[in-house]
């Protein structure tokens, strides 16, 4: 049976209307409420990227002086910040760079991330066409509504751009296999280099062009030469996009070593990382898609052994498996770290629905029941993540407890007051306050020694903002956390509570309590 015969009839012509609809939906979900929380409630690492990009254009140097991330996305944001500044200057917002605060650049910066997210959906569609038009539409549609990808596309973080370049690497690796020449493999290597220059773990993307090269027997001029071009393209792209990795080699190596050590030496999570990531996948995709993903994986292994299309099956399995094992061997666990494998997993779900049902043709089951089954499985796969994605956008579009607290503080607390804020849920430095974001009000984040009310008096704090993100577990289950419960109760009783913001359907977010230090 040839590869074309294996596909369903009518599954070979892509639908422009379907693709356009998916891309419009992807844009709506990612640009919805894009400006929420600016500038008082940002994601933890957003300033690490954007403020360094703004400092680059203000200081006239491309040196990041920071190596927790490579520099590609900072450079992209620096270019966008230049455009934003010129637009603002033309509109009379400011007359010099010194007059432009970093918070005025966040909306445009987030729009860049959202655009990367939409572009990734298009790449998934192009990858899915290697299986068929319906595969492509379903895979792209699933990534469109995937709540993890939708949520992270709202922030100036590296995970969504990394996912774009990893997906680009997969697409170019497939194209290189189809063309079989060194130039095509070089461009796949370039994409892998750009992924590495976005976030260090993107280096694993190099597996895809190398696997495609190794499995392309008629590669021209040879598989070895093509593999060398892959490596050369990857190295060149990384060095161009992150030049100070070489120009300031000691700082780069020290920063990289410190970051790697942090991922190895921090307190381990309560459960093994691989189990936590499985839970994140289940939350993001929902049970129906997870079950279909398992079927798609079994189908992929079978086709990898028996054919046809071994290379495309190898790519859609090898990278996600290697990447999952890599992040599962680290102690810092965030759901967004799974994003680079999400496009491949969406393809696996699509193959389970379309190709899996197509197998029923062998049993002479009529086309109408097979089509009905495909529709039912498609709805089952898309409905849970769609509901979550829309729920996320609606939630961030409402006035949050953080926004309420911000408005109250600006209206009631004198400027230049020293305010201790638990976690980074609220940022006030731009409002003229002396703020300190504290991981937990009841302990020192460096020494883990207890912190009491008198410590804050001695250090000159005027106000404290407590977040249920930290105290919620202790106050909710004091029998499980008696020491933490006692510490928070002492702090709360010795301080004067001024106001409390409790979450509701209309005001999502953590509970926030604002205290005056006596």
Protein backbone atom coordinates (compact mmCIF):
# COMPACT_ATOMS: atom_id res chain seq x y z
CA UNK A 1 0.00 0.00 0.00
CA UNK A 2 1.46 3.37 -0.98
CA UNK A 3 1.44 6.35 1.39
CA UNK A 4 -1.14 8.15 -0.76
CA UNK A 5 -3.45 5.13 -0.79
CA UNK A 6 -3.17 4.89 2.99
CA UNK A 7 -4.81 8.29 3.41
CA UNK A 8 -8.54 8.77 3.26
CA UNK A 9 -9.87 9.85 -0.12
CA UNK A 10 -10.53 13.56 -0.15
CA UNK A 11 -7.93 14.11 2.58
CA UNK A 12 -5.27 15.41 0.20
CA UNK A 13 -6.51 18.95 -0.57
CA UNK A 14 -6.05 21.54 2.15
CA UNK A 15 -8.97 23.79 3.06
CA UNK A 16 -8.11 27.48 2.83
CA UNK A 17 -11.32 28.44 4.59
CA UNK A 18 -10.62 25.97 7.39
CA UNK A 19 -7.05 27.22 7.81
CA UNK A 20 -8.14 30.87 7.76
CA UNK A 21 -10.78 30.16 10.40
CA UNK A 22 -8.24 28.43 12.62
CA UNK A 23 -5.72 31.25 12.32
CA UNK A 24 -8.37 33.87 13.10
CA UNK A 25 -9.44 31.92 16.18
CA UNK A 26 -5.80 31.49 17.22
CA UNK A 27 -5.27 35.26 16.98
CA UNK A 28 -8.46 36.05 18.91
CA UNK A 29 -7.55 33.72 21.77
CA UNK A 30 -3.98 35.04 21.99
CA UNK A 31 -4.67 38.76 21.64
CA UNK A 32 -7.72 38.72 23.92
CA UNK A 33 -7.05 40.88 27.05
CA UNK A 34 -3.40 41.13 26.04
CA UNK A 35 -2.78 44.19 28.20
CA UNK A 36 -4.08 42.77 31.47
CA UNK A 37 -1.96 43.47 34.53
CA UNK A 38 0.40 45.98 32.89
CA UNK A 39 2.43 47.27 34.68
CA UNK A 40 1.48 46.22 38.22
CA UNK A 41 0.96 42.48 37.72
CA UNK A 42 3.45 40.85 35.35
CA UNK A 43 4.57 37.28 34.91
CA UNK A 44 7.66 36.52 36.97
CA UNK A 45 10.22 36.57 34.15
CA UNK A 46 8.69 39.18 31.84
CA UNK A 47 10.93 42.00 33.13
CA UNK A 48 13.99 39.76 32.68
CA UNK A 49 13.39 39.85 28.92
CA UNK A 50 11.71 43.17 28.20
CA UNK A 51 13.54 45.48 30.58
CA UNK A 52 16.88 44.21 29.32
CA UNK A 53 15.71 44.82 25.76
CA UNK A 54 14.69 48.38 26.67
CA UNK A 55 18.02 48.91 28.43
CA UNK A 56 19.78 47.84 25.24
CA UNK A 57 18.18 50.60 23.19
CA UNK A 58 18.70 53.14 25.96
CA UNK A 59 22.31 52.19 26.63
CA UNK A 60 23.35 51.54 23.05
CA UNK A 61 24.89 48.14 23.83
CA UNK A 62 23.73 44.69 22.76
CA UNK A 63 25.52 43.06 25.70
CA UNK A 64 22.79 41.54 27.90
CA UNK A 65 24.95 41.23 31.08
CA UNK A 66 22.61 38.33 31.82
CA UNK A 67 22.89 34.75 30.67
CA UNK A 68 19.91 32.95 32.21
CA UNK A 69 18.49 33.19 28.69
CA UNK A 70 20.27 33.48 25.35
CA UNK A 71 19.77 36.81 23.64
CA UNK A 72 17.70 36.15 20.51
CA UNK A 73 14.34 37.05 22.00
CA UNK A 74 15.83 40.05 23.79
CA UNK A 75 17.13 41.29 20.44
CA UNK A 76 13.72 40.75 18.84
CA UNK A 77 12.12 42.73 21.65
CA UNK A 78 14.79 45.45 21.37
CA UNK A 79 13.90 45.91 17.69
CA UNK A 80 10.20 46.09 18.54
CA UNK A 81 10.96 48.54 21.37
CA UNK A 82 12.69 50.80 18.84
CA UNK A 83 9.58 50.76 16.67
CA UNK A 84 7.38 51.40 19.71
CA UNK A 85 9.53 54.35 20.78
CA UNK A 86 9.47 55.94 17.34
CA UNK A 87 5.70 55.49 17.17
CA UNK A 88 5.34 57.10 20.57
CA UNK A 89 7.65 59.94 19.63
CA UNK A 90 5.60 60.67 16.51
CA UNK A 91 2.49 60.68 18.67
CA UNK A 92 4.04 63.12 21.16
CA UNK A 93 4.33 60.70 24.09
CA UNK A 94 7.96 61.55 24.79
CA UNK A 95 10.88 63.57 23.43
CA UNK A 96 13.77 61.34 24.59
CA UNK A 97 14.50 57.76 25.59
CA UNK A 98 14.82 58.78 29.24
CA UNK A 99 11.16 59.82 29.24
CA UNK A 100 9.99 56.37 28.09
CA UNK A 101 9.42 53.99 31.04
CA UNK A 102 9.73 50.25 30.49
CA UNK A 103 6.06 49.64 31.28
CA UNK A 104 5.03 51.53 28.12
CA UNK A 105 6.66 48.83 25.98
CA UNK A 106 4.89 45.77 27.41
CA UNK A 107 1.78 45.75 25.21
CA UNK A 108 3.76 45.73 21.96
CA UNK A 109 6.15 43.18 23.44
CA UNK A 110 3.30 40.85 24.36
CA UNK A 111 1.86 41.28 20.86
CA UNK A 112 5.11 39.85 19.50
CA UNK A 113 4.75 36.73 21.66
CA UNK A 114 1.12 36.35 20.59
CA UNK A 115 2.20 36.61 16.94
CA UNK A 116 4.75 33.84 17.48
CA UNK A 117 1.93 31.76 18.91
CA UNK A 118 -0.29 32.26 15.86
CA UNK A 119 2.62 31.55 13.51
CA UNK A 120 3.27 28.27 15.33
CA UNK A 121 -0.29 27.18 14.56
CA UNK A 122 0.42 27.77 10.86
CA UNK A 123 3.61 25.68 11.09
CA UNK A 124 1.70 22.83 12.71
CA UNK A 125 -0.74 22.93 9.81
CA UNK A 126 2.15 22.68 7.35
CA UNK A 127 3.59 19.73 9.27
CA UNK A 128 0.20 18.02 9.44
CA UNK A 129 -0.13 18.18 5.65
CA UNK A 130 2.53 15.44 5.51
CA UNK A 131 -0.21 13.16 6.85
CA UNK A 132 -3.21 14.77 5.18
CA UNK A 133 -5.38 17.88 5.07
CA UNK A 134 -7.71 16.76 7.83
CA UNK A 135 -4.75 15.78 9.98
CA UNK A 136 -3.36 19.27 9.43
CA UNK A 137 -6.61 21.03 10.32
CA UNK A 138 -7.17 18.98 13.47
CA UNK A 139 -3.57 19.29 14.71
CA UNK A 140 -3.55 23.05 14.08
CA UNK A 141 -6.99 23.39 15.63
CA UNK A 142 -5.92 21.58 18.77
CA UNK A 143 -2.87 23.80 19.23
CA UNK A 144 -5.10 26.82 18.56
CA UNK A 145 -7.24 26.08 21.63
CA UNK A 146 -4.58 24.46 23.82
CA UNK A 147 -4.94 26.48 27.05
CA UNK A 148 -1.26 26.21 27.99
CA UNK A 149 -0.19 27.69 24.66
CA UNK A 150 -2.97 30.30 24.70
CA UNK A 151 -2.04 31.46 28.20
CA UNK A 152 1.71 31.68 27.62
CA UNK A 153 1.18 33.56 24.35
CA UNK A 154 0.02 36.49 26.49
CA UNK A 155 3.41 37.15 28.10
CA UNK A 156 6.91 38.34 27.23
CA UNK A 157 8.51 34.97 27.95
CA UNK A 158 10.74 32.73 25.85
CA UNK A 159 8.65 29.56 25.86
CA UNK A 160 6.28 30.44 23.00
CA UNK A 161 9.06 31.75 20.70
CA UNK A 162 11.07 28.63 21.56
CA UNK A 163 8.08 26.49 20.57
CA UNK A 164 7.89 28.37 17.26
CA UNK A 165 11.54 27.69 16.40
CA UNK A 166 11.34 24.04 17.50
CA UNK A 167 8.27 23.59 15.28
CA UNK A 168 10.06 25.38 12.44
CA UNK A 169 12.95 22.94 12.89
CA UNK A 170 10.56 20.01 12.56
CA UNK A 171 8.96 21.40 9.42
CA UNK A 172 12.32 22.18 7.79
CA UNK A 173 13.64 18.75 8.77
CA UNK A 174 10.69 17.14 7.00
CA UNK A 175 11.31 19.33 3.96
CA UNK A 176 15.02 18.50 4.02
CA UNK A 177 14.19 14.79 3.98
CA UNK A 178 11.88 15.34 1.02
CA UNK A 179 14.51 17.31 -0.92
CA UNK A 180 17.48 15.29 0.25
CA UNK A 181 20.15 17.95 -0.31
CA UNK A 182 22.70 19.61 1.95
CA UNK A 183 21.24 23.10 1.61
CA UNK A 184 17.85 22.02 2.91
CA UNK A 185 19.46 20.25 5.87
CA UNK A 186 21.53 23.35 6.60
CA UNK A 187 18.37 25.47 6.94
CA UNK A 188 16.91 22.92 9.35
CA UNK A 189 20.11 23.26 11.37
CA UNK A 190 19.74 27.06 11.31
CA UNK A 191 16.25 26.74 12.80
CA UNK A 192 17.65 24.51 15.56
CA UNK A 193 20.34 27.13 16.23
CA UNK A 194 17.68 29.83 16.56
CA UNK A 195 15.78 27.61 19.00
CA UNK A 196 18.97 27.26 21.06
CA UNK A 197 19.51 31.03 20.94
CA UNK A 198 16.01 31.53 22.33
CA UNK A 199 16.35 29.12 25.26
CA UNK A 200 19.19 26.74 25.97
CA UNK A 201 17.06 23.59 26.06
CA UNK A 202 16.14 24.34 22.47
CA UNK A 203 19.46 22.70 21.60
CA UNK A 204 17.62 19.37 21.70
CA UNK A 205 15.88 20.42 18.47
CA UNK A 206 19.08 19.48 16.62
CA UNK A 207 17.95 15.86 17.00
CA UNK A 208 15.29 16.35 14.34
CA UNK A 209 17.46 17.35 11.35
CA UNK A 210 20.10 14.82 12.40
CA UNK A 211 17.55 12.00 12.58
CA UNK A 212 16.07 13.09 9.25
CA UNK A 213 19.56 13.16 7.74
CA UNK A 214 20.46 9.71 9.07
CA UNK A 215 17.21 8.24 7.68
CA UNK A 216 17.53 9.89 4.26
CA UNK A 217 19.54 7.27 2.40
CA UNK A 218 19.79 9.11 -0.97
CA UNK A 219 20.98 12.33 0.71
CA UNK A 220 23.13 14.46 -1.61
CA UNK A 221 26.11 14.51 -1.60
CA UNK A 222 26.09 12.13 1.40
CA UNK A 223 24.49 11.76 4.81
CA UNK A 224 27.75 12.69 6.52
CA UNK A 225 28.11 15.92 4.57
CA UNK A 226 24.46 16.80 5.18
CA UNK A 227 24.91 16.17 8.91
CA UNK A 228 27.95 18.45 8.96
CA UNK A 229 25.91 21.17 7.28
CA UNK A 230 23.21 20.72 9.94
CA UNK A 231 25.78 21.26 12.69
CA UNK A 232 27.37 24.20 10.87
CA UNK A 233 24.02 25.90 10.32
CA UNK A 234 23.05 25.38 13.95
CA UNK A 235 26.34 26.77 15.29
CA UNK A 236 26.32 29.77 12.96
CA UNK A 237 22.73 30.71 13.79
CA UNK A 238 23.36 30.43 17.52
CA UNK A 239 26.52 32.54 17.42
CA UNK A 240 24.87 35.24 15.31
CA UNK A 241 21.77 35.38 17.53
CA UNK A 242 23.69 35.08 20.83
CA UNK A 243 27.12 36.56 20.04
CA UNK A 244 28.14 37.38 23.60
CA UNK A 245 28.22 33.68 24.35
CA UNK A 246 31.63 33.92 22.67
CA UNK A 247 32.47 37.63 22.97
CA UNK A 248 32.13 37.41 26.76
CA UNK A 249 32.87 33.73 27.16
CA UNK A 250 33.74 33.74 30.91
CA UNK A 251 30.50 35.53 31.83
CA UNK A 252 28.50 33.19 29.61
CA UNK A 253 30.07 30.05 31.10
CA UNK A 254 29.66 31.32 34.66
CA UNK A 255 26.04 32.27 34.05
CA UNK A 256 25.27 28.97 32.34
CA UNK A 257 26.92 26.98 35.14
CA UNK A 258 25.04 28.90 37.83
CA UNK A 259 21.73 28.30 36.03
CA UNK A 260 22.44 24.59 35.47
CA UNK A 261 23.44 24.20 39.11
CA UNK A 262 20.20 25.84 40.23
CA UNK A 263 18.13 23.32 38.31
CA UNK A 264 20.05 20.49 40.00
CA UNK A 265 20.39 21.67 43.59
CA UNK A 266 17.09 23.31 44.54
CA UNK A 267 14.70 21.45 46.80
CA UNK A 268 13.13 18.62 44.77
CA UNK A 269 9.40 18.78 44.01
CA UNK A 270 6.98 16.76 46.17
CA UNK A 271 6.53 14.21 43.37
CA UNK A 272 8.88 13.03 40.60
CA UNK A 273 9.05 15.59 37.81
CA UNK A 274 7.86 13.14 35.16
CA UNK A 275 4.65 12.53 37.12
CA UNK A 276 4.07 16.27 37.58
CA UNK A 277 4.54 16.85 33.87
CA UNK A 278 2.05 14.09 33.07
CA UNK A 279 -0.44 15.92 35.27
CA UNK A 280 0.27 19.18 33.46
CA UNK A 281 -0.35 17.43 30.13
CA UNK A 282 -3.62 16.00 31.39
CA UNK A 283 -4.75 19.44 32.58
CA UNK A 284 -3.74 21.12 29.32
CA UNK A 285 -5.15 18.57 26.86
CA UNK A 286 -7.94 16.90 28.84
CA UNK A 287 -8.51 13.17 29.19
CA UNK A 288 -10.02 12.55 25.72
CA UNK A 289 -7.00 14.08 23.94
CA UNK A 290 -4.58 12.29 26.28
CA UNK A 291 -6.15 8.92 25.43
CA UNK A 292 -6.06 9.75 21.73
CA UNK A 293 -2.44 10.83 22.11
CA UNK A 294 -1.62 7.40 23.50
CA UNK A 295 -3.30 5.77 20.51
CA UNK A 296 -1.39 8.11 18.19
CA UNK A 297 1.88 7.16 19.86
CA UNK A 298 1.15 3.45 19.38
CA UNK A 299 0.27 4.09 15.75
CA UNK A 300 3.48 6.11 15.32
CA UNK A 301 5.63 3.29 16.69
CA UNK A 302 3.89 0.82 14.41
CA UNK A 303 4.41 3.02 11.33
CA UNK A 304 7.97 3.74 12.38
CA UNK A 305 8.64 0.00 12.20
CA UNK A 306 6.51 -0.96 9.23
CA UNK A 307 6.14 2.25 7.23
CA UNK A 308 5.16 4.12 5.21
CA UNK A 309 6.60 7.52 6.09
CA UNK A 310 9.10 6.37 8.70
CA UNK A 311 10.94 9.70 8.85
CA UNK A 312 7.94 11.85 9.69
CA UNK A 313 6.85 9.34 12.33
CA UNK A 314 10.36 9.29 13.76
CA UNK A 315 10.46 13.07 14.09
CA UNK A 316 7.07 13.32 15.75
CA UNK A 317 8.15 10.75 18.36
CA UNK A 318 11.90 11.20 18.89
CA UNK A 319 12.03 14.86 19.87
CA UNK A 320 9.08 14.85 22.32
CA UNK A 321 10.45 11.74 24.03
CA UNK A 322 13.99 13.13 24.34
CA UNK A 323 12.77 16.53 25.48
CA UNK A 324 10.36 15.05 28.04
CA UNK A 325 13.12 12.91 29.54
CA UNK A 326 15.40 15.95 29.69
CA UNK A 327 13.03 18.25 31.59
CA UNK A 328 11.92 15.36 33.82
CA UNK A 329 15.50 15.07 35.06
CA UNK A 330 15.40 18.60 36.55
CA UNK A 331 14.12 19.82 39.89
CA UNK A 332 12.42 23.00 38.72
CA UNK A 333 9.03 22.14 37.22
CA UNK A 334 6.75 24.51 35.31
CA UNK A 335 3.94 23.47 33.01
CA UNK A 336 5.11 25.93 30.35
CA UNK A 337 8.33 23.92 29.95
CA UNK A 338 6.19 21.37 28.06
CA UNK A 339 5.28 23.80 25.28
CA UNK A 340 8.02 22.78 22.78
CA UNK A 341 6.56 19.26 22.53
CA UNK A 342 2.94 20.43 22.29
CA UNK A 343 2.89 20.73 18.45
CA UNK A 344 4.14 17.16 17.99
CA UNK A 345 1.60 15.89 20.53
CA UNK A 346 -1.17 17.69 18.63
CA UNK A 347 -0.07 15.84 15.48
CA UNK A 348 -0.22 12.53 17.37
CA UNK A 349 -3.79 13.27 18.47
CA UNK A 350 -4.74 14.11 14.88
CA UNK A 351 -3.22 10.88 13.56
CA UNK A 352 -5.14 8.88 16.16
CA UNK A 353 -8.42 10.44 15.08
CA UNK A 354 -7.99 10.48 11.29
CA UNK A 355 -5.55 7.66 10.55
CA UNK A 356 -6.81 5.48 13.39
CA UNK A 357 -10.39 5.61 12.15
CA UNK A 358 -9.21 5.10 8.57
CA UNK A 359 -7.96 1.66 9.57
CA UNK A 360 -11.62 0.64 9.89
CA UNK A 361 -11.83 0.60 6.09
CA UNK A 362 -10.17 -2.80 6.21
CA UNK A 363 -13.29 -4.16 7.89
CA UNK A 364 -15.56 -2.76 5.18
CA UNK A 365 -17.22 -0.30 7.53
CA UNK A 366 -19.07 2.32 5.43
CA UNK A 367 -17.71 5.81 5.10
CA UNK A 368 -20.62 7.52 6.88
CA UNK A 369 -20.08 5.78 10.26
CA UNK A 370 -16.34 6.39 9.98
CA UNK A 371 -16.93 10.08 9.32
CA UNK A 372 -19.34 10.30 12.26
CA UNK A 373 -16.72 8.68 14.50
CA UNK A 374 -14.08 11.16 13.33
CA UNK A 375 -16.42 14.06 14.10
CA UNK A 376 -17.21 12.67 17.56
CA UNK A 377 -13.54 12.12 18.42
CA UNK A 378 -12.65 15.57 17.09
CA UNK A 379 -15.25 17.21 19.31
CA UNK A 380 -14.08 15.15 22.29
CA UNK A 381 -10.47 16.21 21.72
CA UNK A 382 -11.21 19.91 21.15
CA UNK A 383 -14.01 20.66 23.60
CA UNK A 384 -12.17 20.49 26.98
CA UNK A 385 -9.16 22.61 25.95
CA UNK A 386 -11.41 25.08 24.13
CA UNK A 387 -13.47 25.58 27.26
CA UNK A 388 -10.31 26.11 29.31
CA UNK A 389 -8.78 28.55 26.82
CA UNK A 390 -11.92 30.69 26.64
CA UNK A 391 -12.24 30.54 30.42
CA UNK A 392 -8.67 31.78 30.80
CA UNK A 393 -9.23 34.72 28.46
CA UNK A 394 -12.48 35.67 30.14
CA UNK A 395 -10.86 35.46 33.56
CA UNK A 396 -7.92 37.72 32.75
CA UNK A 397 -10.29 40.17 31.07
CA UNK A 398 -12.10 40.82 34.38
CA UNK A 399 -10.91 43.13 37.14
CA UNK A 400 -8.75 40.94 39.36
CA UNK A 401 -8.10 41.15 43.06
CA UNK A 402 -4.59 42.31 42.14
CA UNK A 403 -6.03 45.23 40.16
CA UNK A 404 -8.34 46.07 43.08
CA UNK A 405 -5.38 46.04 45.48
CA UNK A 406 -3.32 48.19 43.12
CA UNK A 407 -6.07 50.82 42.85
CA UNK A 408 -6.59 50.86 46.62
CA UNK A 409 -2.89 51.24 47.37
CA UNK A 410 -2.45 54.11 44.91
CA UNK A 411 -5.48 55.88 46.40
CA UNK A 412 -4.74 55.28 50.10
CA UNK A 413 -1.05 54.69 50.76
CA UNK A 414 1.36 57.66 50.69
CA UNK A 415 4.04 57.67 48.01
CA UNK A 416 7.56 56.63 49.04
CA UNK A 417 6.16 54.23 51.65
CA UNK A 418 8.12 51.03 52.07
CA UNK A 419 5.87 48.12 51.14
CA UNK A 420 6.65 44.42 51.48
CA UNK A 421 4.69 42.33 48.98
CA UNK A 422 4.45 38.57 49.32
CA UNK A 423 5.39 36.87 46.00
CA UNK A 424 5.62 38.92 42.80
CA UNK A 425 1.85 39.07 42.38
CA UNK A 426 1.94 42.88 42.62
CA UNK A 427 4.58 45.36 41.40
CA UNK A 428 4.53 48.96 42.62
CA UNK A 429 7.97 50.42 41.92
CA UNK A 430 6.62 52.35 38.92
CA UNK A 431 4.07 54.06 41.20
CA UNK A 432 6.65 55.74 43.42
CA UNK A 433 6.72 53.23 46.28
CA UNK A 434 9.75 51.55 47.82
CA UNK A 435 8.71 47.96 47.32
CA UNK A 436 10.30 44.64 48.21
CA UNK A 437 8.83 41.47 46.74
CA UNK A 438 9.25 38.74 49.35
CA UNK A 439 8.80 35.02 48.54
CA UNK A 440 7.12 34.39 51.91
CA UNK A 441 6.39 36.95 54.63
CA UNK A 442 7.12 34.48 57.44
CA UNK A 443 10.62 33.40 56.37
CA UNK A 444 13.82 34.82 54.95
CA UNK A 445 14.19 33.54 51.38
CA UNK A 446 17.98 33.32 51.66
CA UNK A 447 18.51 31.83 55.12
CA UNK A 448 14.99 30.35 55.59
CA UNK A 449 15.07 31.81 59.12
CA UNK A 450 11.67 32.84 60.54
CA UNK A 451 10.62 36.46 60.04
CA UNK A 452 8.44 38.12 62.65
CA UNK A 453 6.57 41.41 62.91
CA UNK A 454 9.45 43.07 64.76
CA UNK A 455 11.80 42.25 61.86
CA UNK A 456 9.65 44.34 59.53
CA UNK A 457 9.51 47.16 62.10
CA UNK A 458 13.29 47.12 62.44
CA UNK A 459 13.76 47.16 58.63
CA UNK A 460 11.52 50.20 58.22
CA UNK A 461 8.54 48.65 56.43
CA UNK A 462 5.35 50.71 56.52
CA UNK A 463 2.94 48.22 54.92
CA UNK A 464 2.75 44.51 54.08
CA UNK A 465 0.71 42.80 51.37
CA UNK A 466 0.02 39.12 52.05
CA UNK A 467 -1.07 36.74 49.27
CA UNK A 468 -3.08 33.55 49.61
CA UNK A 469 -0.71 32.05 47.07
CA UNK A 470 1.53 31.58 50.12
CA UNK A 471 -0.63 31.70 53.24
CA UNK A 472 -3.62 29.91 51.70
CA UNK A 473 -2.44 26.37 52.42
CA UNK A 474 -1.44 27.15 56.02
CA UNK A 475 -4.69 28.92 56.90
CA UNK A 476 -6.82 26.44 54.99
CA UNK A 477 -5.32 23.31 56.55
CA UNK A 478 -3.64 24.34 59.83
CA UNK A 479 -3.43 20.71 60.98
CA UNK A 480 -1.09 19.97 58.06
CA UNK A 481 1.04 23.07 58.44
CA UNK A 482 0.91 23.99 62.15
CA UNK A 483 4.22 25.93 62.18
CA UNK A 484 3.32 28.01 59.11
CA UNK A 485 -0.17 28.61 60.48
CA UNK A 486 1.19 29.88 63.77
CA UNK A 487 3.75 32.12 62.05
CA UNK A 488 1.15 33.75 59.80
CA UNK A 489 -1.32 34.22 62.65
CA UNK A 490 1.32 35.95 64.79
CA UNK A 491 2.22 38.27 61.92
CA UNK A 492 -1.40 39.05 61.09
CA UNK A 493 -2.42 39.66 64.72
CA UNK A 494 0.53 41.98 65.41
CA UNK A 495 -0.15 44.05 62.29
CA UNK A 496 -3.20 46.18 61.55
CA UNK A 497 -5.27 44.79 58.68
CA UNK A 498 -6.52 47.66 56.52
CA UNK A 499 -8.37 45.91 53.71
CA UNK A 500 -8.88 42.48 52.22
CA UNK A 501 -9.65 41.55 48.61
CA UNK A 502 -11.33 38.16 48.28
CA UNK A 503 -11.63 36.46 44.88
CA UNK A 504 -14.99 35.86 43.24
CA UNK A 505 -16.37 35.12 39.79
CA UNK A 506 -16.24 38.83 38.95
CA UNK A 507 -12.83 39.37 40.55
CA UNK A 508 -10.52 36.40 39.99
CA UNK A 509 -7.08 36.11 41.54
CA UNK A 510 -5.54 35.36 44.91
CA UNK A 511 -6.88 36.74 48.17
CA UNK A 512 -4.81 39.76 49.17
CA UNK A 513 -4.60 41.29 52.65
CA UNK A 514 -2.98 44.68 53.22
CA UNK A 515 -1.56 45.42 56.67
CA UNK A 516 -0.05 48.48 58.28
CA UNK A 517 3.07 47.69 60.26
CA UNK A 518 2.41 48.98 63.79
